[in-house]
Amino acid sequence: IDMLNVTFFTEDDPAEKRDFLRLLPKLYKEQYAPW
């Protein structure tokens, strides 16, 4: 997840910065076993 966040969102405005967990909780929360 850290690698993906760096790959996709490094250039985001800090005030609007995205990350995969907040973008798609249905996929990346631990209870959904995203690995």
PDB file of all heavy atoms in Angstrom:
ATOM      1  N   ILE A   1       0.836  -1.207   0.000  1.00  0.00           N
ATOM      2  CA  ILE A   1       0.000   0.000   0.000  1.00  0.00           C
ATOM      3  C   ILE A   1       0.868   1.253   0.000  1.00  0.00           C
ATOM      4  O   ILE A   1       0.589   2.226  -0.707  1.00  0.00           O
ATOM      5  CB  ILE A   1      -0.961  -0.006   1.202  1.00  0.00           C
ATOM      6  CG1 ILE A   1      -2.116  -0.962   0.943  1.00  0.00           C
ATOM      7  CG2 ILE A   1      -1.496   1.383   1.490  1.00  0.00           C
ATOM      8  CD1 ILE A   1      -3.087  -0.493  -0.118  1.00  0.00           C
ATOM      9  N   ASP A   2       1.941   1.254   0.790  1.00  0.00           N
ATOM     10  CA  ASP A   2       2.846   2.410   0.794  1.00  0.00           C
ATOM     11  C   ASP A   2       3.434   2.631  -0.603  1.00  0.00           C
ATOM     12  O   ASP A   2       3.517   3.770  -1.077  1.00  0.00           O
ATOM     13  CB  ASP A   2       3.978   2.199   1.806  1.00  0.00           C
ATOM     14  CG  ASP A   2       3.514   2.322   3.253  1.00  0.00           C
ATOM     15  OD1 ASP A   2       2.411   2.856   3.456  1.00  0.00           O
ATOM     16  OD2 ASP A   2       4.254   1.887   4.144  1.00  0.00           O
ATOM     17  N   MET A   3       3.836   1.541  -1.268  1.00  0.00           N
ATOM     18  CA  MET A   3       4.385   1.660  -2.611  1.00  0.00           C
ATOM     19  C   MET A   3       3.352   2.232  -3.576  1.00  0.00           C
ATOM     20  O   MET A   3       3.640   3.137  -4.371  1.00  0.00           O
ATOM     21  CB  MET A   3       4.863   0.285  -3.098  1.00  0.00           C
ATOM     22  CG  MET A   3       5.466   0.264  -4.501  1.00  0.00           C
ATOM     23  SD  MET A   3       4.247  -0.054  -5.829  1.00  0.00           S
ATOM     24  CE  MET A   3       3.794  -1.747  -5.484  1.00  0.00           C
ATOM     25  N   LEU A   4       2.111   1.747  -3.490  1.00  0.00           N
ATOM     26  CA  LEU A   4       1.060   2.233  -4.390  1.00  0.00           C
ATOM     27  C   LEU A   4       0.721   3.696  -4.114  1.00  0.00           C
ATOM     28  O   LEU A   4       0.522   4.487  -5.048  1.00  0.00           O
ATOM     29  CB  LEU A   4      -0.183   1.361  -4.242  1.00  0.00           C
ATOM     30  CG  LEU A   4      -0.078  -0.058  -4.804  1.00  0.00           C
ATOM     31  CD1 LEU A   4      -1.268  -0.897  -4.365  1.00  0.00           C
ATOM     32  CD2 LEU A   4       0.038  -0.054  -6.324  1.00  0.00           C
ATOM     33  N   ASN A   5       0.647   4.080  -2.837  1.00  0.00           N
ATOM     34  CA  ASN A   5       0.346   5.473  -2.509  1.00  0.00           C
ATOM     35  C   ASN A   5       1.422   6.408  -3.035  1.00  0.00           C
ATOM     36  O   ASN A   5       1.119   7.502  -3.558  1.00  0.00           O
ATOM     37  CB  ASN A   5       0.190   5.633  -0.998  1.00  0.00           C
ATOM     38  CG  ASN A   5      -1.117   5.060  -0.483  1.00  0.00           C
ATOM     39  OD1 ASN A   5      -2.094   4.953  -1.222  1.00  0.00           O
ATOM     40  ND2 ASN A   5      -1.150   4.690   0.781  1.00  0.00           N
ATOM     41  N   VAL A   6       2.687   6.017  -2.918  1.00  0.00           N
ATOM     42  CA  VAL A   6       3.779   6.830  -3.452  1.00  0.00           C
ATOM     43  C   VAL A   6       3.678   6.906  -4.977  1.00  0.00           C
ATOM     44  O   VAL A   6       3.839   7.971  -5.583  1.00  0.00           O
ATOM     45  CB  VAL A   6       5.145   6.253  -3.020  1.00  0.00           C
ATOM     46  CG1 VAL A   6       6.278   6.914  -3.810  1.00  0.00           C
ATOM     47  CG2 VAL A   6       5.354   6.452  -1.523  1.00  0.00           C
ATOM     48  N   THR A   7       3.375   5.780  -5.606  1.00  0.00           N
ATOM     49  CA  THR A   7       3.308   5.717  -7.068  1.00  0.00           C
ATOM     50  C   THR A   7       2.215   6.621  -7.625  1.00  0.00           C
ATOM     51  O   THR A   7       2.408   7.336  -8.605  1.00  0.00           O
ATOM     52  CB  THR A   7       3.068   4.270  -7.522  1.00  0.00           C
ATOM     53  OG1 THR A   7       4.142   3.453  -7.053  1.00  0.00           O
ATOM     54  CG2 THR A   7       2.983   4.174  -9.033  1.00  0.00           C
ATOM     55  N   PHE A   8       1.039   6.609  -6.996  1.00  0.00           N
ATOM     56  CA  PHE A   8      -0.113   7.308  -7.546  1.00  0.00           C
ATOM     57  C   PHE A   8      -0.306   8.726  -7.018  1.00  0.00           C
ATOM     58  O   PHE A   8      -0.826   9.581  -7.736  1.00  0.00           O
ATOM     59  CB  PHE A   8      -1.394   6.503  -7.270  1.00  0.00           C
ATOM     60  CG  PHE A   8      -1.584   5.322  -8.176  1.00  0.00           C
ATOM     61  CD1 PHE A   8      -1.072   4.085  -7.856  1.00  0.00           C
ATOM     62  CD2 PHE A   8      -2.279   5.450  -9.363  1.00  0.00           C
ATOM     63  CE1 PHE A   8      -1.247   2.986  -8.682  1.00  0.00           C
ATOM     64  CE2 PHE A   8      -2.468   4.371 -10.213  1.00  0.00           C
ATOM     65  CZ  PHE A   8      -1.944   3.135  -9.872  1.00  0.00           C
ATOM     66  N   PHE A   9       0.084   8.990  -5.778  1.00  0.00           N
ATOM     67  CA  PHE A   9      -0.416  10.205  -5.127  1.00  0.00           C
ATOM     68  C   PHE A   9       0.669  11.144  -4.607  1.00  0.00           C
ATOM     69  O   PHE A   9       0.360  12.097  -3.891  1.00  0.00           O
ATOM     70  CB  PHE A   9      -1.339   9.809  -3.963  1.00  0.00           C
ATOM     71  CG  PHE A   9      -2.433   8.858  -4.353  1.00  0.00           C
ATOM     72  CD1 PHE A   9      -2.677   7.706  -3.622  1.00  0.00           C
ATOM     73  CD2 PHE A   9      -3.218   9.096  -5.474  1.00  0.00           C
ATOM     74  CE1 PHE A   9      -3.674   6.826  -3.975  1.00  0.00           C
ATOM     75  CE2 PHE A   9      -4.224   8.210  -5.848  1.00  0.00           C
ATOM     76  CZ  PHE A   9      -4.450   7.075  -5.102  1.00  0.00           C
ATOM     77  N   THR A  10       1.918  10.933  -4.991  1.00  0.00           N
ATOM     78  CA  THR A  10       2.994  11.783  -4.493  1.00  0.00           C
ATOM     79  C   THR A  10       2.777  13.243  -4.845  1.00  0.00           C
ATOM     80  O   THR A  10       3.080  14.137  -4.047  1.00  0.00           O
ATOM     81  CB  THR A  10       4.351  11.306  -5.056  1.00  0.00           C
ATOM     82  OG1 THR A  10       4.618   9.997  -4.548  1.00  0.00           O
ATOM     83  CG2 THR A  10       5.483  12.246  -4.648  1.00  0.00           C
ATOM     84  N   GLU A  11       2.214  13.500  -6.020  1.00  0.00           N
ATOM     85  CA  GLU A  11       2.072  14.881  -6.480  1.00  0.00           C
ATOM     86  C   GLU A  11       0.756  15.527  -6.062  1.00  0.00           C
ATOM     87  O   GLU A  11       0.466  16.656  -6.463  1.00  0.00           O
ATOM     88  CB  GLU A  11       2.231  14.935  -7.997  1.00  0.00           C
ATOM     89  CG  GLU A  11       3.616  14.486  -8.471  1.00  0.00           C
ATOM     90  CD  GLU A  11       3.794  14.604  -9.967  1.00  0.00           C
ATOM     91  OE1 GLU A  11       2.856  15.105 -10.640  1.00  0.00           O
ATOM     92  OE2 GLU A  11       4.850  14.213 -10.470  1.00  0.00           O
ATOM     93  N   ASP A  12      -0.056  14.849  -5.261  1.00  0.00           N
ATOM     94  CA  ASP A  12      -1.312  15.446  -4.786  1.00  0.00           C
ATOM     95  C   ASP A  12      -1.046  16.686  -3.942  1.00  0.00           C
ATOM     96  O   ASP A  12      -0.041  16.763  -3.201  1.00  0.00           O
ATOM     97  CB  ASP A  12      -2.097  14.446  -3.935  1.00  0.00           C
ATOM     98  CG  ASP A  12      -2.905  13.471  -4.766  1.00  0.00           C
ATOM     99  OD1 ASP A  12      -2.747  13.479  -5.996  1.00  0.00           O
ATOM    100  OD2 ASP A  12      -3.677  12.696  -4.183  1.00  0.00           O
ATOM    101  N   ASP A  13      -1.968  17.638  -4.018  1.00  0.00           N
ATOM    102  CA  ASP A  13      -1.973  18.761  -3.083  1.00  0.00           C
ATOM    103  C   ASP A  13      -2.113  18.208  -1.670  1.00  0.00           C
ATOM    104  O   ASP A  13      -3.027  17.413  -1.404  1.00  0.00           O
ATOM    105  CB  ASP A  13      -3.163  19.673  -3.415  1.00  0.00           C
ATOM    106  CG  ASP A  13      -3.232  20.918  -2.549  1.00  0.00           C
ATOM    107  OD1 ASP A  13      -2.810  20.848  -1.383  1.00  0.00           O
ATOM    108  OD2 ASP A  13      -3.732  21.941  -3.028  1.00  0.00           O
ATOM    109  N   PRO A  14      -1.228  18.586  -0.731  1.00  0.00           N
ATOM    110  CA  PRO A  14      -1.315  18.034   0.631  1.00  0.00           C
ATOM    111  C   PRO A  14      -2.686  18.186   1.270  1.00  0.00           C
ATOM    112  O   PRO A  14      -3.121  17.328   2.041  1.00  0.00           O
ATOM    113  CB  PRO A  14      -0.249  18.829   1.395  1.00  0.00           C
ATOM    114  CG  PRO A  14       0.738  19.238   0.344  1.00  0.00           C
ATOM    115  CD  PRO A  14      -0.079  19.483  -0.882  1.00  0.00           C
ATOM    116  N   ALA A  15      -3.410  19.268   0.925  1.00  0.00           N
ATOM    117  CA  ALA A  15      -4.732  19.488   1.524  1.00  0.00           C
ATOM    118  C   ALA A  15      -5.776  18.523   0.968  1.00  0.00           C
ATOM    119  O   ALA A  15      -6.834  18.343   1.579  1.00  0.00           O
ATOM    120  CB  ALA A  15      -5.179  20.927   1.280  1.00  0.00           C
ATOM    121  N   GLU A  16      -5.498  17.907  -0.171  1.00  0.00           N
ATOM    122  CA  GLU A  16      -6.466  17.014  -0.813  1.00  0.00           C
ATOM    123  C   GLU A  16      -5.860  15.636  -1.073  1.00  0.00           C
ATOM    124  O   GLU A  16      -6.360  14.886  -1.914  1.00  0.00           O
ATOM    125  CB  GLU A  16      -6.935  17.631  -2.139  1.00  0.00           C
ATOM    126  CG  GLU A  16      -7.580  19.006  -1.981  1.00  0.00           C
ATOM    127  CD  GLU A  16      -7.963  19.632  -3.300  1.00  0.00           C
ATOM    128  OE1 GLU A  16      -7.670  19.019  -4.352  1.00  0.00           O
ATOM    129  OE2 GLU A  16      -8.539  20.732  -3.298  1.00  0.00           O
ATOM    130  N   LYS A  17      -4.818  15.294  -0.347  1.00  0.00           N
ATOM    131  CA  LYS A  17      -4.038  14.094  -0.650  1.00  0.00           C
ATOM    132  C   LYS A  17      -4.886  12.839  -0.493  1.00  0.00           C
ATOM    133  O   LYS A  17      -5.609  12.668   0.485  1.00  0.00           O
ATOM    134  CB  LYS A  17      -2.817  14.009   0.258  1.00  0.00           C
ATOM    135  CG  LYS A  17      -1.776  13.003  -0.247  1.00  0.00           C
ATOM    136  CD  LYS A  17      -0.478  13.157   0.508  1.00  0.00           C
ATOM    137  CE  LYS A  17       0.595  12.229  -0.044  1.00  0.00           C
ATOM    138  NZ  LYS A  17       0.972  12.554  -1.423  1.00  0.00           N
ATOM    139  N   ARG A  18      -4.774  11.956  -1.470  1.00  0.00           N
ATOM    140  CA  ARG A  18      -5.517  10.709  -1.479  1.00  0.00           C
ATOM    141  C   ARG A  18      -4.647   9.559  -0.976  1.00  0.00           C
ATOM    142  O   ARG A  18      -3.426   9.657  -0.954  1.00  0.00           O
ATOM    143  CB  ARG A  18      -5.996  10.391  -2.902  1.00  0.00           C
ATOM    144  CG  ARG A  18      -6.964  11.405  -3.489  1.00  0.00           C
ATOM    145  CD  ARG A  18      -7.096  11.209  -4.988  1.00  0.00           C
ATOM    146  NE  ARG A  18      -5.860  11.553  -5.685  1.00  0.00           N
ATOM    147  CZ  ARG A  18      -5.629  11.312  -6.973  1.00  0.00           C
ATOM    148  NH1 ARG A  18      -6.568  10.714  -7.710  1.00  0.00           N
ATOM    149  NH2 ARG A  18      -4.477  11.648  -7.541  1.00  0.00           N
ATOM    150  N   ASP A  19      -5.296   8.491  -0.587  1.00  0.00           N
ATOM    151  CA  ASP A  19      -4.614   7.229  -0.333  1.00  0.00           C
ATOM    152  C   ASP A  19      -5.613   6.116  -0.621  1.00  0.00           C
ATOM    153  O   ASP A  19      -6.825   6.325  -0.606  1.00  0.00           O
ATOM    154  CB  ASP A  19      -4.059   7.135   1.090  1.00  0.00           C
ATOM    155  CG  ASP A  19      -5.140   7.141   2.146  1.00  0.00           C
ATOM    156  OD1 ASP A  19      -5.858   6.116   2.277  1.00  0.00           O
ATOM    157  OD2 ASP A  19      -5.301   8.162   2.848  1.00  0.00           O
ATOM    158  N   PHE A  20      -5.095   4.913  -0.887  1.00  0.00           N
ATOM    159  CA  PHE A  20      -5.956   3.837  -1.351  1.00  0.00           C
ATOM    160  C   PHE A  20      -6.962   3.384  -0.297  1.00  0.00           C
ATOM    161  O   PHE A  20      -8.083   2.984  -0.636  1.00  0.00           O
ATOM    162  CB  PHE A  20      -5.116   2.655  -1.851  1.00  0.00           C
ATOM    163  CG  PHE A  20      -4.712   2.799  -3.283  1.00  0.00           C
ATOM    164  CD1 PHE A  20      -3.440   3.233  -3.622  1.00  0.00           C
ATOM    165  CD2 PHE A  20      -5.604   2.534  -4.303  1.00  0.00           C
ATOM    166  CE1 PHE A  20      -3.073   3.373  -4.954  1.00  0.00           C
ATOM    167  CE2 PHE A  20      -5.246   2.680  -5.635  1.00  0.00           C
ATOM    168  CZ  PHE A  20      -3.972   3.100  -5.964  1.00  0.00           C
ATOM    169  N   LEU A  21      -6.604   3.434   0.981  1.00  0.00           N
ATOM    170  CA  LEU A  21      -7.542   2.993   2.008  1.00  0.00           C
ATOM    171  C   LEU A  21      -8.766   3.892   2.058  1.00  0.00           C
ATOM    172  O   LEU A  21      -9.894   3.420   2.162  1.00  0.00           O
ATOM    173  CB  LEU A  21      -6.860   2.935   3.371  1.00  0.00           C
ATOM    174  CG  LEU A  21      -7.728   2.470   4.539  1.00  0.00           C
ATOM    175  CD1 LEU A  21      -8.297   1.080   4.279  1.00  0.00           C
ATOM    176  CD2 LEU A  21      -6.941   2.479   5.843  1.00  0.00           C
ATOM    177  N   ARG A  22      -8.563   5.198   1.952  1.00  0.00           N
ATOM    178  CA  ARG A  22      -9.715   6.110   1.973  1.00  0.00           C
ATOM    179  C   ARG A  22     -10.454   6.124   0.646  1.00  0.00           C
ATOM    180  O   ARG A  22     -11.667   6.330   0.602  1.00  0.00           O
ATOM    181  CB  ARG A  22      -9.252   7.522   2.334  1.00  0.00           C
ATOM    182  CG  ARG A  22      -8.932   7.709   3.809  1.00  0.00           C
ATOM    183  CD  ARG A  22      -8.671   9.152   4.133  1.00  0.00           C
ATOM    184  NE  ARG A  22      -7.465   9.644   3.469  1.00  0.00           N
ATOM    185  CZ  ARG A  22      -7.089  10.926   3.448  1.00  0.00           C
ATOM    186  NH1 ARG A  22      -7.858  11.843   4.010  1.00  0.00           N
ATOM    187  NH2 ARG A  22      -5.970  11.283   2.854  1.00  0.00           N
ATOM    188  N   LEU A  23      -9.730   5.901  -0.457  1.00  0.00           N
ATOM    189  CA  LEU A  23     -10.392   5.867  -1.759  1.00  0.00           C
ATOM    190  C   LEU A  23     -11.320   4.667  -1.890  1.00  0.00           C
ATOM    191  O   LEU A  23     -12.438   4.783  -2.384  1.00  0.00           O
ATOM    192  CB  LEU A  23      -9.352   5.808  -2.880  1.00  0.00           C
ATOM    193  CG  LEU A  23      -8.801   7.104  -3.432  1.00  0.00           C
ATOM    194  CD1 LEU A  23      -7.778   6.796  -4.517  1.00  0.00           C
ATOM    195  CD2 LEU A  23      -9.889   8.008  -3.976  1.00  0.00           C
ATOM    196  N   LEU A  24     -10.845   3.505  -1.454  1.00  0.00           N
ATOM    197  CA  LEU A  24     -11.598   2.267  -1.660  1.00  0.00           C
ATOM    198  C   LEU A  24     -11.543   1.401  -0.403  1.00  0.00           C
ATOM    199  O   LEU A  24     -10.898   0.346  -0.377  1.00  0.00           O
ATOM    200  CB  LEU A  24     -11.036   1.495  -2.867  1.00  0.00           C
ATOM    201  CG  LEU A  24     -11.273   2.150  -4.228  1.00  0.00           C
ATOM    202  CD1 LEU A  24     -10.408   1.510  -5.294  1.00  0.00           C
ATOM    203  CD2 LEU A  24     -12.741   2.071  -4.621  1.00  0.00           C
ATOM    204  N   PRO A  25     -12.232   1.823   0.640  1.00  0.00           N
ATOM    205  CA  PRO A  25     -12.243   1.004   1.859  1.00  0.00           C
ATOM    206  C   PRO A  25     -12.792  -0.394   1.632  1.00  0.00           C
ATOM    207  O   PRO A  25     -12.419  -1.337   2.319  1.00  0.00           O
ATOM    208  CB  PRO A  25     -13.123   1.823   2.822  1.00  0.00           C
ATOM    209  CG  PRO A  25     -13.950   2.718   1.944  1.00  0.00           C
ATOM    210  CD  PRO A  25     -13.072   3.034   0.780  1.00  0.00           C
ATOM    211  N   LYS A  26     -13.676  -0.544   0.627  1.00  0.00           N
ATOM    212  CA  LYS A  26     -14.271  -1.855   0.342  1.00  0.00           C
ATOM    213  C   LYS A  26     -13.232  -2.879  -0.089  1.00  0.00           C
ATOM    214  O   LYS A  26     -13.483  -4.085  -0.015  1.00  0.00           O
ATOM    215  CB  LYS A  26     -15.322  -1.718  -0.767  1.00  0.00           C
ATOM    216  CG  LYS A  26     -14.723  -1.323  -2.121  1.00  0.00           C
ATOM    217  CD  LYS A  26     -15.746  -1.310  -3.233  1.00  0.00           C
ATOM    218  CE  LYS A  26     -15.090  -0.977  -4.574  1.00  0.00           C
ATOM    219  NZ  LYS A  26     -16.026  -1.039  -5.698  1.00  0.00           N
ATOM    220  N   LEU A  27     -12.071  -2.411  -0.543  1.00  0.00           N
ATOM    221  CA  LEU A  27     -11.022  -3.309  -1.012  1.00  0.00           C
ATOM    222  C   LEU A  27      -9.849  -3.422  -0.057  1.00  0.00           C
ATOM    223  O   LEU A  27      -9.258  -4.497   0.058  1.00  0.00           O
ATOM    224  CB  LEU A  27     -10.488  -2.836  -2.377  1.00  0.00           C
ATOM    225  CG  LEU A  27     -11.482  -2.742  -3.529  1.00  0.00           C
ATOM    226  CD1 LEU A  27     -10.762  -2.332  -4.805  1.00  0.00           C
ATOM    227  CD2 LEU A  27     -12.218  -4.054  -3.728  1.00  0.00           C
ATOM    228  N   TYR A  28      -9.496  -2.340   0.624  1.00  0.00           N
ATOM    229  CA  TYR A  28      -8.208  -2.294   1.294  1.00  0.00           C
ATOM    230  C   TYR A  28      -8.271  -2.400   2.816  1.00  0.00           C
ATOM    231  O   TYR A  28      -7.224  -2.465   3.458  1.00  0.00           O
ATOM    232  CB  TYR A  28      -7.446  -1.034   0.873  1.00  0.00           C
ATOM    233  CG  TYR A  28      -7.233  -0.988  -0.616  1.00  0.00           C
ATOM    234  CD1 TYR A  28      -7.891  -0.065  -1.412  1.00  0.00           C
ATOM    235  CD2 TYR A  28      -6.406  -1.922  -1.246  1.00  0.00           C
ATOM    236  CE1 TYR A  28      -7.719  -0.051  -2.787  1.00  0.00           C
ATOM    237  CE2 TYR A  28      -6.233  -1.920  -2.617  1.00  0.00           C
ATOM    238  CZ  TYR A  28      -6.889  -0.980  -3.383  1.00  0.00           C
ATOM    239  OH  TYR A  28      -6.721  -0.985  -4.746  1.00  0.00           O
ATOM    240  N   LYS A  29      -9.459  -2.429   3.398  1.00  0.00           N
ATOM    241  CA  LYS A  29      -9.532  -2.693   4.832  1.00  0.00           C
ATOM    242  C   LYS A  29      -9.065  -4.123   5.114  1.00  0.00           C
ATOM    243  O   LYS A  29      -9.306  -5.042   4.321  1.00  0.00           O
ATOM    244  CB  LYS A  29     -10.970  -2.502   5.337  1.00  0.00           C
ATOM    245  CG  LYS A  29     -11.356  -1.048   5.554  1.00  0.00           C
ATOM    246  CD  LYS A  29     -12.716  -0.961   6.235  1.00  0.00           C
ATOM    247  CE  LYS A  29     -13.056   0.467   6.618  1.00  0.00           C
ATOM    248  NZ  LYS A  29     -14.381   0.558   7.297  1.00  0.00           N
ATOM    249  N   GLU A  30      -8.439  -4.313   6.262  1.00  0.00           N
ATOM    250  CA  GLU A  30      -7.870  -5.625   6.579  1.00  0.00           C
ATOM    251  C   GLU A  30      -8.909  -6.733   6.593  1.00  0.00           C
ATOM    252  O   GLU A  30      -8.610  -7.875   6.225  1.00  0.00           O
ATOM    253  CB  GLU A  30      -7.136  -5.574   7.918  1.00  0.00           C
ATOM    254  CG  GLU A  30      -5.810  -4.834   7.865  1.00  0.00           C
ATOM    255  CD  GLU A  30      -4.988  -5.048   9.115  1.00  0.00           C
ATOM    256  OE1 GLU A  30      -5.424  -5.844   9.987  1.00  0.00           O
ATOM    257  OE2 GLU A  30      -3.924  -4.423   9.235  1.00  0.00           O
ATOM    258  N   GLN A  31     -10.157  -6.404   7.006  1.00  0.00           N
ATOM    259  CA  GLN A  31     -11.157  -7.480   7.100  1.00  0.00           C
ATOM    260  C   GLN A  31     -11.525  -8.053   5.741  1.00  0.00           C
ATOM    261  O   GLN A  31     -12.135  -9.117   5.648  1.00  0.00           O
ATOM    262  CB  GLN A  31     -12.421  -7.002   7.817  1.00  0.00           C
ATOM    263  CG  GLN A  31     -13.186  -5.878   7.153  1.00  0.00           C
ATOM    264  CD  GLN A  31     -12.926  -4.555   7.822  1.00  0.00           C
ATOM    265  OE1 GLN A  31     -11.797  -4.235   8.180  1.00  0.00           O
ATOM    266  NE2 GLN A  31     -13.984  -3.778   8.022  1.00  0.00           N
ATOM    267  N   TYR A  32     -11.131  -7.373   4.648  1.00  0.00           N
ATOM    268  CA  TYR A  32     -11.423  -7.884   3.313  1.00  0.00           C
ATOM    269  C   TYR A  32     -10.225  -8.622   2.695  1.00  0.00           C
ATOM    270  O   TYR A  32     -10.263  -8.978   1.515  1.00  0.00           O
ATOM    271  CB  TYR A  32     -11.878  -6.745   2.402  1.00  0.00           C
ATOM    272  CG  TYR A  32     -13.040  -5.955   2.976  1.00  0.00           C
ATOM    273  CD1 TYR A  32     -13.031  -4.565   3.001  1.00  0.00           C
ATOM    274  CD2 TYR A  32     -14.147  -6.612   3.530  1.00  0.00           C
ATOM    275  CE1 TYR A  32     -14.088  -3.837   3.542  1.00  0.00           C
ATOM    276  CE2 TYR A  32     -15.203  -5.891   4.081  1.00  0.00           C
ATOM    277  CZ  TYR A  32     -15.161  -4.505   4.086  1.00  0.00           C
ATOM    278  OH  TYR A  32     -16.201  -3.797   4.631  1.00  0.00           O
ATOM    279  N   ALA A  33      -9.181  -8.841   3.482  1.00  0.00           N
ATOM    280  CA  ALA A  33      -7.992  -9.608   3.060  1.00  0.00           C
ATOM    281  C   ALA A  33      -7.487  -9.176   1.682  1.00  0.00           C
ATOM    282  O   ALA A  33      -7.408  -9.993   0.755  1.00  0.00           O
ATOM    283  CB  ALA A  33      -8.299 -11.104   3.081  1.00  0.00           C
ATOM    284  N   PRO A  34      -7.103  -7.912   1.512  1.00  0.00           N
ATOM    285  CA  PRO A  34      -6.699  -7.436   0.173  1.00  0.00           C
ATOM    286  C   PRO A  34      -5.455  -8.122  -0.371  1.00  0.00           C
ATOM    287  O   PRO A  34      -5.258  -8.159  -1.588  1.00  0.00           O
ATOM    288  CB  PRO A  34      -6.454  -5.939   0.395  1.00  0.00           C
ATOM    289  CG  PRO A  34      -6.191  -5.801   1.861  1.00  0.00           C
ATOM    290  CD  PRO A  34      -7.035  -6.841   2.524  1.00  0.00           C
ATOM    291  N   TRP A  35      -4.618  -8.677   0.500  1.00  0.00           N
ATOM    292  CA  TRP A  35      -3.402  -9.357   0.035  1.00  0.00           C
ATOM    293  C   TRP A  35      -3.724 -10.540  -0.880  1.00  0.00           C
ATOM    294  O   TRP A  35      -2.967 -10.843  -1.794  1.00  0.00           O
ATOM    295  CB  TRP A  35      -2.574  -9.802   1.231  1.00  0.00           C
ATOM    296  CG  TRP A  35      -3.387 -10.375   2.356  1.00  0.00           C
ATOM    297  CD1 TRP A  35      -3.814 -11.663   2.492  1.00  0.00           C
ATOM    298  CD2 TRP A  35      -3.897  -9.657   3.477  1.00  0.00           C
ATOM    299  NE1 TRP A  35      -4.563 -11.805   3.627  1.00  0.00           N
ATOM    300  CE2 TRP A  35      -4.633 -10.585   4.267  1.00  0.00           C
ATOM    301  CE3 TRP A  35      -3.812  -8.338   3.917  1.00  0.00           C
ATOM    302  CZ2 TRP A  35      -5.260 -10.235   5.460  1.00  0.00           C
ATOM    303  CZ3 TRP A  35      -4.433  -7.985   5.091  1.00  0.00           C
ATOM    304  CH2 TRP A  35      -5.158  -8.913   5.854  1.00  0.00           C
TER     305      TRP A  35
END
